Protein backbone atom coordinates (compact mmCIF):
# COMPACT_ATOMS: atom_id res chain seq x y z
CA UNK A 1 2.46 37.83 9.72
CA UNK A 2 1.01 36.10 6.61
CA UNK A 3 2.14 32.48 6.11
CA UNK A 4 3.21 31.85 2.50
CA UNK A 5 4.46 28.86 0.61
CA UNK A 6 5.94 29.48 -2.88
CA UNK A 7 5.70 26.55 -5.27
CA UNK A 8 5.04 25.63 -8.89
CA UNK A 9 1.81 23.67 -8.98
CA UNK A 10 3.26 20.63 -10.79
CA UNK A 11 2.17 17.06 -10.07
CA UNK A 12 4.16 15.19 -7.45
CA UNK A 13 5.98 17.24 -4.84
CA UNK A 14 4.32 20.60 -5.58
CA UNK A 15 0.86 19.14 -5.37
CA UNK A 16 1.65 17.19 -2.24
CA UNK A 17 3.15 20.15 -0.40
CA UNK A 18 0.25 22.28 -1.53
CA UNK A 19 -2.31 20.04 0.06
CA UNK A 20 -0.26 19.55 3.24
CA UNK A 21 0.45 23.23 3.92
CA UNK A 22 -2.98 24.42 2.77
CA UNK A 23 -4.23 22.37 5.76
CA UNK A 24 -1.89 24.36 7.99
CA UNK A 25 -3.31 27.69 6.88
CA UNK A 26 -0.51 28.71 4.54
CA UNK A 27 -1.24 30.77 1.45
CA UNK A 28 0.20 28.47 -1.24
CA UNK A 29 1.27 30.42 -4.33
CA UNK A 30 1.95 28.55 -7.60
CA UNK A 31 4.11 30.60 -9.87
CA UNK A 32 3.04 30.07 -13.45
CA UNK A 33 2.55 31.64 -16.85
CA UNK A 34 0.08 31.52 -19.76
CA UNK A 35 0.16 28.10 -21.36
CA UNK A 36 1.44 26.34 -18.26
CA UNK A 37 -0.74 23.71 -16.64
CA UNK A 38 -1.27 23.74 -12.84
CA UNK A 39 -1.94 20.29 -11.42
CA UNK A 40 -2.30 21.21 -7.74
CA UNK A 41 -5.91 21.23 -6.52
CA UNK A 42 -5.19 23.64 -3.64
CA UNK A 43 -3.43 26.98 -3.54
CA UNK A 44 -3.59 29.97 -5.79
CA UNK A 45 -1.89 30.56 -9.23
CA UNK A 46 0.18 33.62 -9.83
CA UNK A 47 0.45 34.06 -13.64
CA UNK A 48 3.62 35.83 -14.60
CA UNK A 49 3.70 37.64 -17.98
CA UNK A 50 6.43 36.97 -20.53
CA UNK A 51 7.79 40.44 -19.72
CA UNK A 52 7.98 39.67 -16.04
CA UNK A 53 9.76 36.38 -16.69
CA UNK A 54 12.22 37.44 -19.35
CA UNK A 55 13.69 40.57 -17.82
CA UNK A 56 17.34 41.14 -18.51
CA UNK A 57 18.19 40.45 -14.93
CA UNK A 58 16.23 37.17 -14.81
CA UNK A 59 17.81 35.96 -18.04
CA UNK A 60 21.25 36.72 -16.62
CA UNK A 61 20.42 34.77 -13.45
CA UNK A 62 19.22 31.75 -15.55
CA UNK A 63 22.52 31.90 -17.54
CA UNK A 64 24.41 31.89 -14.28
CA UNK A 65 22.40 28.88 -13.05
CA UNK A 66 23.02 26.99 -16.30
CA UNK A 67 26.73 27.62 -15.86
CA UNK A 68 26.59 26.39 -12.24
CA UNK A 69 24.76 23.20 -13.31
CA UNK A 70 26.96 22.79 -16.44
CA UNK A 71 23.97 22.89 -18.74
CA UNK A 72 23.21 24.75 -21.93
CA UNK A 73 20.75 27.65 -21.86
CA UNK A 74 17.38 26.30 -22.97
CA UNK A 75 16.54 26.77 -26.64
CA UNK A 76 12.77 26.26 -26.33
CA UNK A 77 10.87 29.23 -24.98
CA UNK A 78 8.48 27.06 -22.91
CA UNK A 79 11.41 25.37 -21.10
CA UNK A 80 13.03 28.75 -20.66
CA UNK A 81 9.86 30.08 -19.01
CA UNK A 82 9.60 27.07 -16.78
CA UNK A 83 13.12 27.67 -15.46
CA UNK A 84 12.65 31.40 -15.21
CA UNK A 85 9.72 31.01 -12.97
CA UNK A 86 11.98 29.15 -10.56
CA UNK A 87 13.50 32.56 -9.73
CA UNK A 88 10.13 33.84 -8.45
CA UNK A 89 9.68 30.68 -6.35
CA UNK A 90 12.88 31.24 -4.37
CA UNK A 91 14.00 34.88 -4.58
CA UNK A 92 12.07 36.03 -1.52
CA UNK A 93 12.06 32.90 0.60
CA UNK A 94 13.40 32.00 4.02
CA UNK A 95 13.90 28.31 3.27
CA UNK A 96 13.83 25.98 0.28
CA UNK A 97 12.13 22.66 1.17
CA UNK A 98 12.45 20.02 -1.59
CA UNK A 99 12.06 16.39 -2.53
CA UNK A 100 14.43 15.24 -5.22
CA UNK A 101 17.64 13.27 -5.96
CA UNK A 102 20.96 14.89 -4.95
CA UNK A 103 23.51 14.36 -7.80
CA UNK A 104 26.46 16.16 -6.24
CA UNK A 105 26.54 16.68 -2.50
CA UNK A 106 29.60 18.95 -2.46
CA UNK A 107 28.42 21.37 -5.12
CA UNK A 108 24.71 21.11 -4.39
CA UNK A 109 23.44 19.86 -7.68
CA UNK A 110 19.94 18.41 -7.72
CA UNK A 111 18.18 16.44 -10.41
CA UNK A 112 15.74 18.05 -12.87
CA UNK A 113 14.08 21.40 -12.85
CA UNK A 114 14.23 21.54 -9.04
CA UNK A 115 17.96 21.74 -9.47
CA UNK A 116 17.68 25.28 -10.90
CA UNK A 117 15.75 26.60 -7.93
CA UNK A 118 18.12 24.93 -5.48
CA UNK A 119 21.12 26.24 -7.40
CA UNK A 120 19.75 29.73 -7.06
CA UNK A 121 19.36 29.09 -3.35
CA UNK A 122 22.97 27.79 -3.11
CA UNK A 123 24.34 30.91 -4.92
CA UNK A 124 22.26 33.22 -2.66
CA UNK A 125 23.32 31.33 0.49
CA UNK A 126 19.70 30.52 1.38
CA UNK A 127 18.98 27.66 3.76
CA UNK A 128 17.91 24.41 1.95
CA UNK A 129 16.28 21.32 3.32
CA UNK A 130 15.95 18.40 0.97
CA UNK A 131 14.70 14.80 1.23
CA UNK A 132 16.87 12.71 -1.09
CA UNK A 133 14.74 9.97 -2.58
CA UNK A 134 17.75 7.72 -3.44
CA UNK A 135 19.03 7.66 0.13
CA UNK A 136 15.70 8.23 1.86
CA UNK A 137 17.42 10.74 4.18
CA UNK A 138 17.22 14.43 4.88
CA UNK A 139 20.07 16.74 3.98
CA UNK A 140 20.62 20.46 4.47
CA UNK A 141 22.77 23.30 3.24
CA UNK A 142 23.37 26.72 4.80
CA UNK A 143 25.40 29.66 3.53
CA UNK A 144 26.15 27.98 0.24
CA UNK A 145 27.92 25.04 1.85
CA UNK A 146 27.85 21.38 0.69
CA UNK A 147 24.88 19.25 1.73
CA UNK A 148 25.19 17.55 5.07
CA UNK A 149 23.10 14.80 6.55
CA UNK A 150 20.43 16.01 8.93
CA UNK A 151 20.56 13.79 12.05
CA UNK A 152 16.94 14.30 12.96
CA UNK A 153 13.53 14.66 11.30
CA UNK A 154 12.51 18.22 10.24
CA UNK A 155 10.11 19.84 12.71
CA UNK A 156 7.03 21.53 11.26
CA UNK A 157 6.88 24.09 14.01
CA UNK A 158 10.41 25.35 13.02
CA UNK A 159 9.42 26.15 9.41
CA UNK A 160 9.46 29.91 8.70
CA UNK A 161 6.32 31.89 7.79
CA UNK A 162 7.52 32.27 4.24
CA UNK A 163 9.26 29.34 2.49
CA UNK A 164 9.43 27.43 -0.78
CA UNK A 165 8.17 23.83 -1.24
CA UNK A 166 9.11 22.16 -4.49
CA UNK A 167 10.52 18.97 -5.88
CA UNK A 168 10.30 15.98 -8.20
CA UNK A 169 7.22 15.12 -10.19
CA UNK A 170 7.81 11.41 -9.57
CA UNK A 171 7.60 10.43 -5.91
CA UNK A 172 8.19 7.17 -4.10
CA UNK A 173 5.55 6.05 -1.61
CA UNK A 174 8.28 6.34 1.08
CA UNK A 175 8.81 10.01 0.19
CA UNK A 176 5.03 10.76 0.47
CA UNK A 177 4.88 8.89 3.75
CA UNK A 178 7.85 10.89 5.07
CA UNK A 179 6.23 14.24 4.25
CA UNK A 180 3.07 13.26 6.00
CA UNK A 181 5.01 11.97 9.05
CA UNK A 182 6.96 15.26 9.27
CA UNK A 183 4.47 17.90 8.22
CA UNK A 184 0.82 16.73 8.08
CA UNK A 185 -1.61 17.28 10.90
CA UNK A 186 -4.39 15.34 9.26
CA UNK A 187 -5.06 13.13 6.24
CA UNK A 188 -3.64 9.89 4.99
CA UNK A 189 -1.39 8.88 2.13
CA UNK A 190 -4.41 7.33 0.37
CA UNK A 191 -5.94 10.82 0.19
CA UNK A 192 -3.21 11.96 -2.20
CA UNK A 193 -4.41 11.02 -5.67
CA UNK A 194 -2.49 13.92 -7.20
CA UNK A 195 0.95 12.33 -6.75
CA UNK A 196 2.78 10.19 -9.28
CA UNK A 197 4.44 7.20 -7.62
CA UNK A 198 7.61 5.39 -8.60
CA UNK A 199 7.21 1.78 -7.37
């Protein structure tokens, strides 16, 4: 079975995951659109047309996600497209792996654009594994339930053949180190010049 990682190609988490899982033989797919910049140096870009992004069904899903997150529907088309592509990142995945900040553990609200992808996963009862940068701990959600503390490190060998790897653009060095400790089979943190660090 083909091994696939869905992502977004942004700096930070997307680029870090792309490099790590490319080394594991995964086909990393960065969902994008015309006018969107891909920062990741590994993986392949899948360019979605405006028609693909802005289907009636996708727009309805984004409206539902905005309601879930208590946010207004985006007025700028570029932001709308950024958020609509999240649907393609997670709609056919077996796990959402993320690095971000958890804002509401009970409801499953995550900071930034990652929050829309995770919200879609929560609504669809998809398994979610997230490294919370504030607490420097792993949390998980299954079947749409609140986030719970994971009492062990994630195990690479237990990742499914098809999953999503996304997260914050701004990473702490501790977060990068954690991803390498959990998932990398080669390389060092100093190799990652594509990440943006918060010191």
